[in-house]
Protein backbone atom coordinates (compact mmCIF):
# COMPACT_ATOMS: atom_id res chain seq x y z
CA MET A 1 106.55 89.39 102.68
CA THR A 2 104.83 88.50 106.07
CA ARG A 3 106.92 85.96 108.14
CA LYS A 4 106.06 84.10 111.42
CA MET A 5 108.22 84.83 114.51
CA LEU A 6 109.92 82.39 116.72
CA GLN A 7 111.96 80.95 113.86
CA PHE A 8 115.04 80.59 115.82
CA THR A 9 114.35 76.70 115.85
CA ARG A 10 114.73 76.30 112.12
CA LEU A 11 116.78 79.51 111.22
CA ASP A 12 120.64 79.97 112.28
CA GLN A 13 122.06 83.38 113.39
CA LYS A 14 123.61 85.07 110.28
CA GLN A 15 125.52 87.97 110.72
CA PRO A 16 126.05 90.46 107.75
CA ASP A 17 128.99 89.30 105.50
CA LYS A 18 132.25 90.74 105.77
CA ARG A 19 134.71 91.90 103.29
CA PRO A 20 137.66 89.65 103.29
CA ALA A 21 140.27 90.62 105.70
CA PRO A 22 143.01 91.14 102.95
CA LEU A 23 140.79 93.65 101.11
CA ARG A 24 139.43 95.71 103.93
CA LYS A 25 143.15 96.23 105.37
CA SER A 26 143.81 98.23 102.38
CA ASP A 27 141.05 100.87 102.97
CA PHE A 28 139.07 102.74 105.70
CA ALA A 29 135.62 101.57 104.20
CA GLU A 30 133.29 99.91 106.51
CA ILE A 31 133.87 96.05 106.81
CA SER A 32 130.31 94.91 107.15
CA LEU A 33 128.19 94.55 103.85
CA ALA A 34 124.45 95.26 104.30
CA PHE A 35 121.70 92.89 104.70
CA ASP A 36 119.45 92.32 101.85
CA ILE A 37 115.82 92.88 102.53
CA ASP A 38 115.24 88.87 102.55
CA ARG A 39 118.05 88.37 104.93
CA ALA A 40 116.98 91.15 107.27
CA GLY A 41 113.39 90.12 107.39
CA GLU A 42 114.53 86.40 107.97
CA GLN A 43 116.90 87.33 111.07
CA SER A 44 114.22 89.46 112.56
CA SER A 45 111.84 86.42 112.62
CA ARG A 46 114.14 84.75 114.66
CA CYS A 47 113.04 86.86 117.66
CA GLU A 48 111.14 85.04 120.33
CA GLN A 49 109.15 88.14 121.23
CA CYS A 50 109.63 87.52 124.94
CA GLY A 51 107.31 88.70 127.69
CA ILE A 52 110.15 90.39 129.32
CA PRO A 53 112.06 92.00 126.47
CA PHE A 54 115.47 91.87 128.17
CA CYS A 55 117.25 93.21 124.97
CA SER A 56 115.31 96.35 125.58
CA ILE A 57 116.26 96.53 129.18
CA GLY A 58 119.78 95.91 127.89
CA CYS A 59 119.75 98.92 125.98
CA PRO A 60 120.49 102.40 127.37
CA LEU A 61 117.61 104.09 125.46
CA GLY A 62 115.00 101.32 125.94
CA ASN A 63 114.50 100.93 122.25
CA ASN A 64 111.42 98.93 121.31
CA ILE A 65 113.49 96.12 119.79
CA PRO A 66 110.90 93.25 119.63
CA ASP A 67 108.59 95.66 118.18
CA TRP A 68 110.26 96.51 115.40
CA LEU A 69 111.82 93.15 114.67
CA MET A 70 108.24 92.02 114.34
CA LEU A 71 107.53 94.94 111.86
CA ASN A 72 110.77 94.43 109.94
CA ALA A 73 109.95 90.62 109.75
CA GLN A 74 106.07 91.38 108.35
CA GLY A 75 107.66 93.63 106.07
CA ARG A 76 106.12 96.76 107.55
CA MET A 77 109.21 98.63 106.90
CA GLU A 78 107.86 102.40 107.45
CA GLU A 79 106.19 101.42 110.78
CA ALA A 80 109.30 99.75 111.79
CA TYR A 81 111.56 102.84 111.07
CA ALA A 82 109.09 104.83 113.00
CA MET A 83 109.12 102.58 115.85
CA SER A 84 112.79 102.50 115.86
CA SER A 85 113.55 106.13 115.62
CA ALA A 86 111.13 107.04 118.31
CA THR A 87 113.45 106.26 120.87
CA ASN A 88 116.77 106.72 119.35
CA THR A 89 118.04 109.76 117.39
CA PHE A 90 120.61 108.18 115.38
CA PRO A 91 119.66 104.28 114.84
CA GLU A 92 121.66 104.23 111.76
CA ILE A 93 124.97 105.24 113.84
CA CYS A 94 124.00 102.91 116.83
CA GLY A 95 123.50 100.11 114.44
CA ARG A 96 126.96 100.30 113.48
CA ILE A 97 129.10 101.19 116.49
CA CYS A 98 127.09 100.07 119.42
CA PRO A 99 128.80 97.17 121.27
CA GLN A 100 125.48 94.93 120.90
CA ASP A 101 127.58 91.93 122.24
CA ARG A 102 127.57 93.66 125.52
CA LEU A 103 124.17 95.36 125.52
CA CYS A 104 121.10 94.27 123.63
CA GLU A 105 122.29 91.22 121.88
CA GLY A 106 124.26 90.04 125.11
CA LYS A 107 120.77 90.28 126.85
CA CYS A 108 119.16 88.26 124.06
CA VAL A 109 117.22 85.21 125.43
CA LEU A 110 118.25 83.28 122.49
CA GLU A 111 121.89 84.21 123.27
CA GLN A 112 121.66 82.70 126.87
CA SER A 113 119.85 79.62 125.74
CA THR A 114 122.40 78.65 123.23
CA HIS A 115 120.75 79.50 120.01
CA ASN A 116 122.79 82.72 119.48
CA ALA A 117 121.06 86.31 119.66
CA VAL A 118 119.12 88.01 117.19
CA THR A 119 121.19 90.20 114.88
CA ILE A 120 119.83 93.24 116.25
CA GLY A 121 122.53 95.93 115.37
CA ALA A 122 122.64 94.81 111.94
CA ILE A 123 118.96 94.76 111.26
CA GLU A 124 118.71 98.43 113.09
CA LYS A 125 121.15 99.52 110.54
CA HIS A 126 119.25 97.94 107.86
CA ILE A 127 115.92 99.26 108.85
CA THR A 128 117.16 103.04 108.86
CA GLU A 129 119.32 102.58 105.65
CA PHE A 130 116.05 101.46 103.80
CA ALA A 131 114.12 104.36 105.15
CA PHE A 132 116.61 106.86 103.76
CA THR A 133 116.35 105.13 100.37
CA GLN A 134 112.50 105.44 100.38
CA GLY A 135 112.62 109.09 101.73
CA TRP A 136 111.00 108.45 105.01
CA VAL A 137 113.77 110.20 106.88
CA THR A 138 113.23 113.99 106.92
CA PRO A 139 114.17 116.82 109.13
CA PRO A 140 112.34 117.23 112.45
CA ARG A 141 109.70 120.10 112.23
CA PRO A 142 108.11 121.70 115.25
CA TYR A 143 104.29 121.96 115.50
CA LYS A 144 104.81 125.56 116.72
CA GLU A 145 107.63 127.96 116.89
CA LEU A 146 108.77 129.10 120.19
CA ALA A 147 110.46 132.45 120.76
CA GLN A 148 112.99 130.79 123.58
CA SER A 149 116.43 130.03 122.56
CA VAL A 150 118.90 127.19 123.47
CA GLY A 151 122.47 126.93 123.34
CA ILE A 152 124.12 123.64 123.32
CA ILE A 153 128.08 123.40 123.60
CA GLY A 154 129.25 120.75 122.02
CA GLY A 155 128.30 119.01 118.46
CA GLY A 156 128.67 115.41 119.67
CA PRO A 157 126.01 112.83 119.88
CA GLY A 158 124.71 113.85 123.18
CA GLY A 159 124.70 117.63 122.07
CA LEU A 160 123.07 116.76 118.52
CA ALA A 161 120.40 114.12 120.43
CA ALA A 162 119.51 117.00 122.74
CA ALA A 163 119.26 119.72 119.71
CA GLU A 164 117.04 117.68 117.73
CA ALA A 165 114.72 116.90 120.56
CA LEU A 166 114.64 120.66 121.51
CA ARG A 167 113.87 121.64 117.97
CA LYS A 168 111.22 119.27 117.52
CA LYS A 169 109.44 121.15 120.40
CA GLY A 170 109.98 124.32 118.62
CA TYR A 171 112.77 125.91 120.33
CA GLN A 172 115.43 128.12 118.59
CA VAL A 173 118.63 125.90 118.98
CA THR A 174 122.28 126.74 118.24
CA VAL A 175 125.24 124.39 118.62
CA TYR A 176 128.59 125.49 119.09
CA ASP A 177 131.58 123.05 118.62
CA ARG A 178 135.40 124.04 118.49
CA HIS A 179 136.06 121.88 115.62
CA ASP A 180 135.66 122.61 112.05
CA ARG A 181 132.66 119.73 111.53
CA MET A 182 129.75 118.71 113.69
CA GLY A 183 129.66 115.21 115.23
CA GLY A 184 132.33 114.98 117.66
CA LEU A 185 133.97 111.74 118.11
CA LEU A 186 131.63 110.34 115.59
CA ILE A 187 133.60 112.28 112.91
CA TYR A 188 136.98 112.76 114.36
CA GLY A 189 137.38 109.74 116.99
CA ILE A 190 135.89 106.77 115.27
CA PRO A 191 137.43 105.28 112.33
CA GLY A 192 135.64 105.12 108.88
CA PHE A 193 136.04 101.37 108.75
CA LYS A 194 133.29 101.37 111.46
CA LEU A 195 131.58 104.50 110.84
CA GLU A 196 132.00 106.16 107.42
CA LYS A 197 131.75 109.90 107.77
CA SER A 198 129.12 110.62 105.23
CA VAL A 199 126.75 108.71 107.67
CA VAL A 200 127.33 111.30 110.05
CA GLU A 201 127.30 114.42 107.82
CA ARG A 202 123.98 113.10 106.44
CA ARG A 203 122.40 113.44 109.58
CA THR A 204 123.85 116.82 110.61
CA GLN A 205 122.66 118.26 107.36
CA LEU A 206 119.08 117.14 108.48
CA LEU A 207 119.37 119.05 111.65
CA ALA A 208 120.60 121.88 109.66
CA GLN A 209 117.62 121.60 107.40
CA ALA A 210 115.48 121.40 110.61
CA GLY A 211 116.46 125.08 111.55
CA ILE A 212 119.03 124.23 114.04
CA LYS A 213 121.99 126.53 113.72
CA LEU A 214 125.35 124.69 113.67
CA GLU A 215 128.51 126.92 114.65
CA CYS A 216 131.47 125.25 114.01
CA GLY A 217 134.85 126.56 114.99
CA VAL A 218 133.53 128.30 118.14
CA GLU A 219 135.67 127.51 121.14
CA VAL A 220 133.78 128.87 124.39
CA GLY A 221 135.86 130.79 126.58
CA LYS A 222 137.95 132.03 123.57
CA ASP A 223 135.92 132.95 120.54
CA VAL A 224 132.85 133.86 122.67
CA SER A 225 132.75 134.13 126.58
CA PHE A 226 130.45 131.69 128.38
CA GLU A 227 128.53 134.53 129.91
CA GLU A 228 127.79 136.03 126.72
CA LEU A 229 126.15 132.65 125.64
CA ARG A 230 124.12 132.63 128.96
CA ASP A 231 123.07 136.37 128.06
CA ARG A 232 122.26 135.25 124.42
CA HIS A 233 120.03 132.08 125.37
CA ASP A 234 117.42 131.01 127.69
CA ALA A 235 119.36 127.96 128.49
CA ILE A 236 122.64 126.09 128.12
CA LEU A 237 123.58 122.70 127.76
CA VAL A 238 126.97 121.77 128.04
CA ALA A 239 127.80 118.42 126.06
CA THR A 240 131.66 118.87 125.80
CA GLY A 241 132.63 115.14 125.95
CA VAL A 242 135.99 114.24 127.49
CA TYR A 243 139.08 114.43 125.36
CA LYS A 244 141.95 114.49 127.45
CA GLY A 245 144.07 111.30 127.35
CA ARG A 246 145.45 109.65 130.49
CA GLU A 247 149.08 109.16 130.89
CA LEU A 248 151.29 106.26 131.17
CA GLY A 249 152.97 107.24 134.05
CA VAL A 250 156.20 105.36 133.56
CA LYS A 251 159.82 106.26 132.73
CA GLY A 252 160.47 107.58 129.24
CA ASP A 253 156.62 108.41 128.76
CA LYS A 254 157.50 111.69 127.01
CA LEU A 255 159.69 110.68 124.54
CA PRO A 256 159.11 111.46 120.86
CA GLY A 257 157.24 108.63 119.16
CA ILE A 258 154.72 108.39 121.96
CA HIS A 259 151.24 109.71 120.89
CA ALA A 260 147.81 110.01 122.56
CA ALA A 261 145.09 107.89 120.53
CA LEU A 262 142.83 110.79 120.04
CA ASP A 263 145.56 112.79 118.34
CA TYR A 264 146.58 109.99 116.21
CA LEU A 265 142.79 108.86 115.40
CA ILE A 266 141.76 112.67 114.56
CA ALA A 267 144.93 112.89 112.30
CA GLN A 268 143.86 109.70 110.32
CA ASN A 269 140.00 110.86 110.25
CA LYS A 270 140.93 114.32 108.70
CA VAL A 271 143.09 112.91 106.06
CA GLY A 272 140.15 110.63 105.22
CA LEU A 273 137.98 113.66 105.15
CA GLY A 274 140.50 115.30 102.75
CA ASP A 275 142.05 117.59 105.09
CA LYS A 276 145.63 118.38 105.13
CA VAL A 277 147.47 117.36 108.30
CA ALA A 278 151.20 118.17 108.60
CA ALA A 279 151.78 115.76 111.55
CA PHE A 280 150.54 112.97 109.21
CA ASP A 281 152.44 114.09 105.93
CA ASP A 282 155.60 114.45 107.87
CA GLY A 283 155.27 110.70 109.29
CA THR A 284 154.82 111.69 112.79
CA LEU A 285 151.25 110.36 113.22
CA ASN A 286 151.56 107.81 110.12
CA ALA A 287 152.29 104.30 111.10
CA LYS A 288 153.65 103.22 107.65
CA GLY A 289 156.56 100.83 108.01
CA LYS A 290 156.74 101.09 111.86
CA ASP A 291 156.54 98.78 114.71
CA VAL A 292 153.35 99.88 116.57
CA VAL A 293 152.49 99.29 120.11
CA VAL A 294 149.22 100.13 121.27
CA ILE A 295 148.53 100.08 125.17
CA GLY A 296 145.05 99.69 126.25
CA GLY A 297 142.13 97.26 125.99
CA GLY A 298 139.05 99.36 125.16
CA ASP A 299 137.21 99.99 121.91
CA THR A 300 139.40 103.00 121.49
CA ALA A 301 142.76 100.83 121.72
CA MET A 302 141.12 98.57 118.91
CA ASP A 303 140.44 101.63 116.69
CA CYS A 304 144.06 102.54 116.88
CA VAL A 305 145.42 99.15 116.39
CA ARG A 306 143.01 98.50 113.25
CA THR A 307 143.94 102.07 112.04
CA ALA A 308 147.63 101.36 112.36
CA ILE A 309 147.18 98.09 110.20
CA ARG A 310 145.42 100.27 107.70
CA GLN A 311 148.23 102.71 107.51
CA GLY A 312 150.82 99.86 106.44
CA ALA A 313 152.46 99.52 109.71
CA LYS A 314 155.32 96.89 109.63
CA SER A 315 153.79 95.06 112.92
CA VAL A 316 151.13 95.80 115.26
CA LYS A 317 150.53 94.72 118.70
CA CYS A 318 148.29 95.52 121.49
CA LEU A 319 149.60 95.40 125.36
CA TYR A 320 146.85 94.83 127.80
CA ARG A 321 147.27 93.97 131.47
CA ARG A 322 144.12 91.94 131.83
CA ASP A 323 143.07 88.60 130.03
CA ARG A 324 140.83 88.67 126.89
CA ALA A 325 137.96 87.99 128.91
CA ASN A 326 138.38 90.76 131.12
CA MET A 327 138.88 93.45 128.44
CA PRO A 328 136.43 96.50 128.51
CA GLY A 329 136.32 96.62 124.45
CA SER A 330 134.05 94.79 122.50
CA GLN A 331 134.99 91.26 121.91
CA ARG A 332 133.70 91.46 117.98
CA GLU A 333 136.17 94.23 117.59
CA VAL A 334 139.05 92.22 119.01
CA ALA A 335 138.17 89.29 116.54
CA HIS A 336 138.03 91.86 113.66
CA ALA A 337 141.50 92.85 114.50
CA GLU A 338 142.85 89.40 114.87
CA GLU A 339 141.60 88.74 111.37
CA GLU A 340 143.52 91.86 110.21
CA GLY A 341 146.83 90.69 111.69
CA ALA A 342 147.02 92.22 114.93
CA GLU A 343 148.83 90.37 117.99
CA PHE A 344 147.73 90.77 121.20
CA VAL A 345 149.77 90.61 124.42
CA TRP A 346 147.59 89.71 127.19
CA MET A 347 148.60 89.93 130.84
CA ALA A 348 151.20 92.44 130.34
CA ALA A 349 151.66 96.06 131.60
CA PRO A 350 154.45 98.50 130.47
CA THR A 351 157.08 99.51 133.06
CA ALA A 352 159.02 102.08 130.73
CA ILE A 353 159.55 103.42 127.38
CA LEU A 354 162.63 102.42 125.90
CA GLY A 355 165.12 104.83 123.94
CA LYS A 356 166.97 108.22 124.51
CA ASP A 357 165.91 110.75 121.71
CA LYS A 358 162.95 108.67 120.72
CA ALA A 359 160.81 105.81 121.46
CA THR A 360 162.47 102.27 120.49
CA GLY A 361 160.54 100.00 122.69
CA VAL A 362 158.34 99.26 125.41
CA SER A 363 159.59 97.44 128.44
CA ALA A 364 156.57 95.40 130.40
CA ILE A 365 156.21 92.95 132.90
CA ARG A 366 153.91 89.70 132.96
CA MET A 367 150.78 90.13 135.22
CA HIS A 368 148.34 88.05 136.94
CA LEU A 369 145.04 88.48 138.32
CA GLY A 370 144.31 88.95 142.01
CA VAL A 371 141.52 89.52 144.24
CA ALA A 372 138.76 91.47 143.14
CA ASP A 373 138.59 95.57 144.03
CA ALA A 374 135.64 97.44 144.94
CA SER A 375 134.65 97.38 141.31
CA GLY A 376 134.30 93.70 141.23
CA ARG A 377 137.08 93.29 139.02
CA GLN A 378 140.15 91.27 139.59
CA THR A 379 143.19 93.69 140.12
CA PRO A 380 145.96 92.91 137.99
CA GLN A 381 149.09 92.11 140.11
CA PRO A 382 152.84 92.04 138.51
CA ILE A 383 154.80 88.83 138.16
CA GLU A 384 158.14 89.44 139.75
CA GLY A 385 161.08 88.70 137.46
CA SER A 386 158.82 88.12 134.34
CA GLU A 387 159.88 91.43 132.43
CA PHE A 388 160.30 91.45 128.76
CA ASP A 389 160.92 94.29 126.06
CA ILE A 390 158.97 94.81 122.83
CA LYS A 391 160.33 96.51 119.78
CA ALA A 392 158.61 99.78 118.98
CA ASP A 393 159.11 103.06 117.34
CA MET A 394 155.55 104.23 117.68
CA VAL A 395 153.70 103.78 121.07
CA ILE A 396 149.77 104.69 121.15
CA LYS A 397 148.31 105.46 124.50
CA ALA A 398 144.80 104.32 124.61
CA LEU A 399 144.12 104.38 128.34
CA GLY A 400 140.90 106.04 128.68
CA PHE A 401 139.84 109.89 128.67
CA ASP A 402 139.47 112.44 131.56
CA PRO A 403 137.49 115.52 131.37
CA GLU A 404 139.22 118.85 130.52
CA ASP A 405 138.90 121.71 133.41
CA ILE A 406 135.64 123.39 132.04
CA PRO A 407 135.44 125.98 134.67
CA ALA A 408 138.65 127.20 133.79
CA ALA A 409 137.73 126.97 130.25
CA PHE A 410 134.54 128.65 130.28
CA GLY A 411 135.92 131.26 133.02
CA ASP A 412 133.33 130.15 135.68
CA LYS A 413 134.37 128.76 138.73
CA ARG A 414 130.50 128.61 139.89
CA LEU A 415 130.40 125.39 137.96
CA ASP A 416 131.27 122.74 140.38
CA VAL A 417 133.01 119.70 139.47
CA THR A 418 133.25 116.17 141.24
CA ARG A 419 136.84 114.86 142.02
CA TRP A 420 137.14 113.23 138.86
CA GLY A 421 136.68 116.69 137.01
CA THR A 422 133.09 115.83 135.78
CA LEU A 423 130.35 118.57 136.05
CA VAL A 424 128.18 118.28 138.90
CA MET A 425 124.86 117.74 138.05
CA ASP A 426 121.25 117.20 139.68
CA GLU A 427 120.21 113.81 138.57
CA ARG A 428 116.64 114.62 138.14
CA THR A 429 116.82 117.91 136.47
CA HIS A 430 120.17 117.64 134.78
CA MET A 431 120.92 121.12 135.92
CA THR A 432 124.73 121.92 136.95
CA THR A 433 125.37 124.40 139.83
CA LEU A 434 124.22 127.26 137.70
CA ASP A 435 120.68 128.23 137.22
CA GLY A 436 119.61 127.46 133.81
CA VAL A 437 122.93 125.37 132.65
CA PHE A 438 122.27 121.95 132.16
CA ALA A 439 124.90 119.17 131.32
CA ALA A 440 124.82 115.71 129.50
CA GLY A 441 127.05 113.16 128.20
CA ASP A 442 130.66 112.28 129.15
CA ILE A 443 131.15 115.57 130.70
CA VAL A 444 129.03 114.16 133.53
CA ARG A 445 129.42 110.17 133.54
CA GLY A 446 133.03 110.06 132.34
CA ALA A 447 134.03 108.37 128.95
CA SER A 448 131.30 106.18 127.96
CA LEU A 449 129.51 104.91 124.91
CA VAL A 450 127.79 106.95 122.16
CA VAL A 451 124.44 105.30 123.17
CA TRP A 452 124.60 106.63 126.73
CA ALA A 453 125.31 110.09 125.26
CA ILE A 454 122.26 109.98 123.16
CA LYS A 455 120.10 108.75 126.09
CA ASP A 456 121.52 111.72 128.24
CA GLY A 457 121.09 114.19 125.47
CA ARG A 458 117.50 113.50 125.29
CA ASP A 459 117.08 113.28 128.71
CA ALA A 460 118.51 116.73 129.31
CA ALA A 461 116.24 117.99 126.42
CA GLU A 462 113.34 117.08 128.59
CA SER A 463 114.46 118.58 131.88
CA MET A 464 115.08 121.85 129.75
CA ASP A 465 112.00 122.05 128.12
CA ARG A 466 110.27 121.69 131.73
CA TYR A 467 112.49 124.27 132.96
CA LEU A 468 111.98 126.86 129.96
CA LYS A 469 107.90 126.24 130.33
CA ILE A 470 108.10 126.88 134.07
CA LYS A 471 110.13 130.11 133.29
CA THR A 472 107.69 131.13 130.70
CA ARG A 473 104.73 130.84 133.01
CA VAL A 474 106.41 132.61 135.92
CA ALA A 475 107.26 135.56 133.73
CA ALA A 476 103.77 135.93 132.72
CA GLU A 477 102.26 135.98 135.87
């Protein structure tokens, strides 16, 4: 069915239906139901087709959003998918987990003019899922096979995006990851209620079918040396991500019962994948029947809060030192958590973990927002005499992530790092301080969004292609 555009004057915004909170709290299935083809077409037709597409500007990948919204509204679904996938390696994943309220939808002109944004993320997911049902999503095939090989360290979104882009150009690509499955945080860090693991595995299977070698359980520096990989491949991409959780830095923060967010989420995701996890089975990383306090205000904190609810926690509280308007996480995720029964303790920061042999509570202090710092955000300041305690026998630290010591892990001190521990990289070429070694994703920019990792991986692939072509030309002369 062909629809006219600019239908926002007669059609209201309709987000996908969600499963009722009491039902979705009982499992780890995705909470949003899929658009049907008519609803997706109608919502696409609300697009204003702006002369300046602010939605595209707000997207790190620069997706051609107005174009594929129009194609979808007109029922030209195969073209819509071709347009969507031209700039995005994993549109079905971004449609599910991107914080659209902070990116494309937040920049939508309709959102700014009180008409409510076009439901871009849900439509992106719909287009790709429809394409899968029609058999339009196929493994990337190069026009010509090239002899040169590329090794990619890290099988997360950045590394896999680069792998696909390089394979399309004909390079022989091998991805090495220390975990037993490809996907990085897409598999182990993001809960199933946001991204079911079959969605990720479906995409990695396509990459394998394209001829990309996926080597799991390979830790560089232990199972294979970094120097050996450099000898084995014509170029290397480091896309390891950042996994080291930040510490609380308060009295009692080493007591049993305190856990890093990623340890907690990985355990649940492995259980969901059918693995046996001893720390879950013995109750260490299982919130069932416990009073849980999650410290932090980002999307990872929301993942922990909502996971604890599904595990059957007695109570779940999220402690954050700023107010709701100033939290870094998605407002949609906060709303979902509230619907599911989480309690938020705003404007409060931990001062100590209570307990002797194990954590029994969190001592906190009320905060107020002071003057803005160099980043432009108001700095939280403690309110003297406002201390209070929260009962907790499980405390989860979700304060963000820092890089591991990559030069030490790889055994090559020639890889320079910044004062934050991220790899030093030439902004134009994506090359590190070692010739032929490139970097992309969180290991360069610090903990960030999946969509930025995809962007970095695709950009790094272009730079690596230029480098390898020059290398080939010079060798031939």
